[in-house]
C-alpha atoms as a PDB file:
ATOM      1  CA  MET A   1      32.589  71.702 -16.335  1.00  0.00           C
ATOM      2  CA  SER A   2      35.535  71.456 -13.988  1.00  0.00           C
ATOM      3  CA  ASP A   3      37.647  68.242 -13.234  1.00  0.00           C
ATOM      4  CA  SER A   4      35.888  67.859 -10.004  1.00  0.00           C
ATOM      5  CA  ASP A   5      32.385  68.191 -11.506  1.00  0.00           C
ATOM      6  CA  LEU A   6      33.340  65.435 -14.354  1.00  0.00           C
ATOM      7  CA  GLU A   7      34.749  63.219 -11.349  1.00  0.00           C
ATOM      8  CA  LYS A   8      31.365  63.660  -9.414  1.00  0.00           C
ATOM      9  CA  LEU A   9      29.534  62.638 -12.514  1.00  0.00           C
ATOM     10  CA  ALA A  10      31.423  59.687 -13.307  1.00  0.00           C
ATOM     11  CA  ASP A  11      31.131  58.564  -9.585  1.00  0.00           C
ATOM     12  CA  LEU A  12      27.441  58.968 -10.085  1.00  0.00           C
ATOM     13  CA  ILE A  13      27.561  56.984 -13.368  1.00  0.00           C
ATOM     14  CA  VAL A  14      29.759  54.156 -11.984  1.00  0.00           C
ATOM     15  CA  ASN A  15      27.465  54.005  -8.853  1.00  0.00           C
ATOM     16  CA  LYS A  16      24.279  53.637 -11.048  1.00  0.00           C
ATOM     17  CA  LEU A  17      25.982  51.002 -13.227  1.00  0.00           C
ATOM     18  CA  VAL A  18      27.114  48.753 -10.106  1.00  0.00           C
ATOM     19  CA  ALA A  19      23.620  49.329  -8.387  1.00  0.00           C
ATOM     20  CA  LYS A  20      22.009  47.860 -11.718  1.00  0.00           C
ATOM     21  CA  GLN A  21      24.419  45.270 -12.171  1.00  0.00           C
ATOM     22  CA  GLN A  22      23.867  44.056  -8.664  1.00  0.00           C
ATOM     23  CA  GLU A  23      20.131  44.141  -9.141  1.00  0.00           C
ATOM     24  CA  ILE A  24      20.589  41.868 -12.221  1.00  0.00           C
ATOM     25  CA  ASP A  25      22.505  39.681 -10.386  1.00  0.00           C
ATOM     26  CA  ASP A  26      20.252  39.172  -7.790  1.00  0.00           C
ATOM     27  CA  GLU A  27      17.320  38.365  -9.980  1.00  0.00           C
ATOM     28  CA  TYR A  28      19.640  35.935 -11.840  1.00  0.00           C
ATOM     29  CA  ILE A  29      20.504  34.272  -8.285  1.00  0.00           C
ATOM     30  CA  ALA A  30      17.163  33.903  -7.688  1.00  0.00           C
ATOM     31  CA  LYS A  31      16.091  32.263 -10.563  1.00  0.00           C
ATOM     32  CA  MET A  32      18.892  29.752 -10.309  1.00  0.00           C
ATOM     33  CA  VAL A  33      17.802  28.924  -6.617  1.00  0.00           C
ATOM     34  CA  ALA A  34      14.137  28.576  -7.967  1.00  0.00           C
ATOM     35  CA  GLN A  35      15.362  26.253 -10.513  1.00  0.00           C
ATOM     36  CA  GLN A  36      17.005  24.210  -8.028  1.00  0.00           C
ATOM     37  CA  LYS A  37      14.288  23.934  -6.148  1.00  0.00           C
ATOM     38  CA  ASP A  38      12.282  22.550  -9.285  1.00  0.00           C
ATOM     39  CA  MET A  39      14.768  20.238 -10.020  1.00  0.00           C
ATOM     40  CA  HIS A  40      14.238  18.348  -6.499  1.00  0.00           C
ATOM     41  CA  ASN A  41      10.570  18.369  -7.306  1.00  0.00           C
ATOM     42  CA  GLU A  42       8.938  15.014  -8.378  1.00  0.00           C
ATOM     43  CA  ASP A  43       6.717  17.015 -11.370  1.00  0.00           C
ATOM     44  CA  PHE A  44      10.206  18.426 -12.749  1.00  0.00           C
ATOM     45  CA  THR A  45      10.426  18.089 -16.373  1.00  0.00           C
ATOM     46  CA  VAL A  46      13.074  19.319 -18.963  1.00  0.00           C
ATOM     47  CA  GLU A  47      11.787  21.316 -21.628  1.00  0.00           C
ATOM     48  CA  PHE A  48      13.587  22.165 -25.033  1.00  0.00           C
ATOM     49  CA  ALA A  49      16.201  19.268 -24.565  1.00  0.00           C
ATOM     50  CA  LYS A  50      17.763  18.743 -27.826  1.00  0.00           C
ATOM     51  CA  PHE A  51      20.342  16.118 -28.536  1.00  0.00           C
ATOM     52  CA  ILE A  52      22.656  16.391 -31.384  1.00  0.00           C
ATOM     53  CA  PRO A  53      24.226  13.067 -32.696  1.00  0.00           C
ATOM     54  CA  LEU A  54      28.010  12.565 -32.225  1.00  0.00           C
ATOM     55  CA  ASN A  55      28.579  13.299 -36.011  1.00  0.00           C
ATOM     56  CA  GLY A  56      27.122  16.649 -35.398  1.00  0.00           C
ATOM     57  CA  LYS A  57      23.986  16.247 -37.719  1.00  0.00           C
ATOM     58  CA  PRO A  58      20.634  15.584 -36.550  1.00  0.00           C
ATOM     59  CA  SER A  59      18.844  12.512 -38.027  1.00  0.00           C
ATOM     60  CA  THR A  60      16.440  12.722 -40.866  1.00  0.00           C
ATOM     61  CA  GLU A  61      13.606  12.359 -38.348  1.00  0.00           C
ATOM     62  CA  ASP A  62      14.654  15.047 -36.123  1.00  0.00           C
ATOM     63  CA  GLN A  63      15.136  17.470 -39.082  1.00  0.00           C
ATOM     64  CA  ILE A  64      11.480  16.409 -40.219  1.00  0.00           C
ATOM     65  CA  LYS A  65      10.244  17.135 -36.775  1.00  0.00           C
ATOM     66  CA  GLU A  66      12.042  20.404 -36.573  1.00  0.00           C
ATOM     67  CA  LEU A  67      10.439  21.347 -39.895  1.00  0.00           C
ATOM     68  CA  GLN A  68       7.061  20.039 -39.149  1.00  0.00           C
ATOM     69  CA  ALA A  69       6.869  22.677 -36.154  1.00  0.00           C
ATOM     70  CA  GLY A  70       7.982  25.400 -38.476  1.00  0.00           C
ATOM     71  CA  LEU A  71       5.776  24.564 -40.741  1.00  0.00           C
ATOM     72  CA  LYS A  72       2.903  24.632 -37.868  1.00  0.00           C
ATOM     73  CA  ASP A  73       4.364  28.137 -36.947  1.00  0.00           C
ATOM     74  CA  ALA A  74       4.446  29.313 -40.861  1.00  0.00           C
ATOM     75  CA  ILE A  75       0.795  28.417 -41.161  1.00  0.00           C
ATOM     76  CA  GLU A  76      -0.412  29.962 -37.847  1.00  0.00           C
ATOM     77  CA  LYS A  77       1.451  33.296 -38.837  1.00  0.00           C
ATOM     78  CA  GLU A  78      -0.237  33.173 -42.427  1.00  0.00           C
ATOM     79  CA  ASP A  79       3.374  33.031 -43.958  1.00  0.00           C
ATOM     80  CA  TYR A  80       2.430  30.625 -46.879  1.00  0.00           C
ATOM     81  CA  THR A  81       5.666  31.563 -48.841  1.00  0.00           C
ATOM     82  CA  ARG A  82       7.732  30.115 -45.936  1.00  0.00           C
ATOM     83  CA  ALA A  83       5.102  27.352 -45.176  1.00  0.00           C
ATOM     84  CA  ALA A  84       5.487  26.141 -49.056  1.00  0.00           C
ATOM     85  CA  ASP A  85       9.474  26.482 -48.552  1.00  0.00           C
ATOM     86  CA  ILE A  86       9.311  24.329 -45.405  1.00  0.00           C
ATOM     87  CA  GLN A  87       7.026  21.720 -47.064  1.00  0.00           C
ATOM     88  CA  LYS A  88       9.400  21.210 -50.052  1.00  0.00           C
ATOM     89  CA  ASN A  89      12.173  20.683 -47.790  1.00  0.00           C
ATOM     90  CA  ILE A  90       9.963  18.219 -45.577  1.00  0.00           C
ATOM     91  CA  THR A  91       9.355  16.300 -49.067  1.00  0.00           C
ATOM     92  CA  LYS A  92      13.008  16.193 -50.174  1.00  0.00           C
ATOM     93  CA  LEU A  93      13.821  14.561 -46.642  1.00  0.00           C
ATOM     94  CA  GLU A  94      11.093  11.927 -46.841  1.00  0.00           C
ATOM     95  CA  ASP A  95      12.044  11.338 -50.367  1.00  0.00           C
ATOM     96  CA  GLY A  96      15.378  10.566 -48.929  1.00  0.00           C
ATOM     97  CA  GLU A  97      16.825  13.739 -50.765  1.00  0.00           C
ATOM     98  CA  PRO A  98      19.718  15.796 -48.819  1.00  0.00           C
ATOM     99  CA  LEU A  99      18.759  19.638 -47.986  1.00  0.00           C
ATOM    100  CA  ASP A 100      20.510  22.260 -49.700  1.00  0.00           C
ATOM    101  CA  THR A 101      22.773  23.956 -47.007  1.00  0.00           C
END
């Protein structure tokens, strides 16, 4: 392959990459615009908002809620070993014991 052929190939690759990036950027901007519109809608709700206390550690209640969600997921997926481990951690927290980290 000659140098001019390599340059043509490189130009084709770069043009494809730039076009793909532009497509991705356009999709992202469209999503952001849609989210902005949703924020001005009266029915707008925030999902998956999670607040972490200033000390960086979630409260015991928050840890239990998170573990209970994981327990439910483990049971639905029939992962009973994981479910048993999660239940042990829930019991520890309910008894006031710290979790092993």
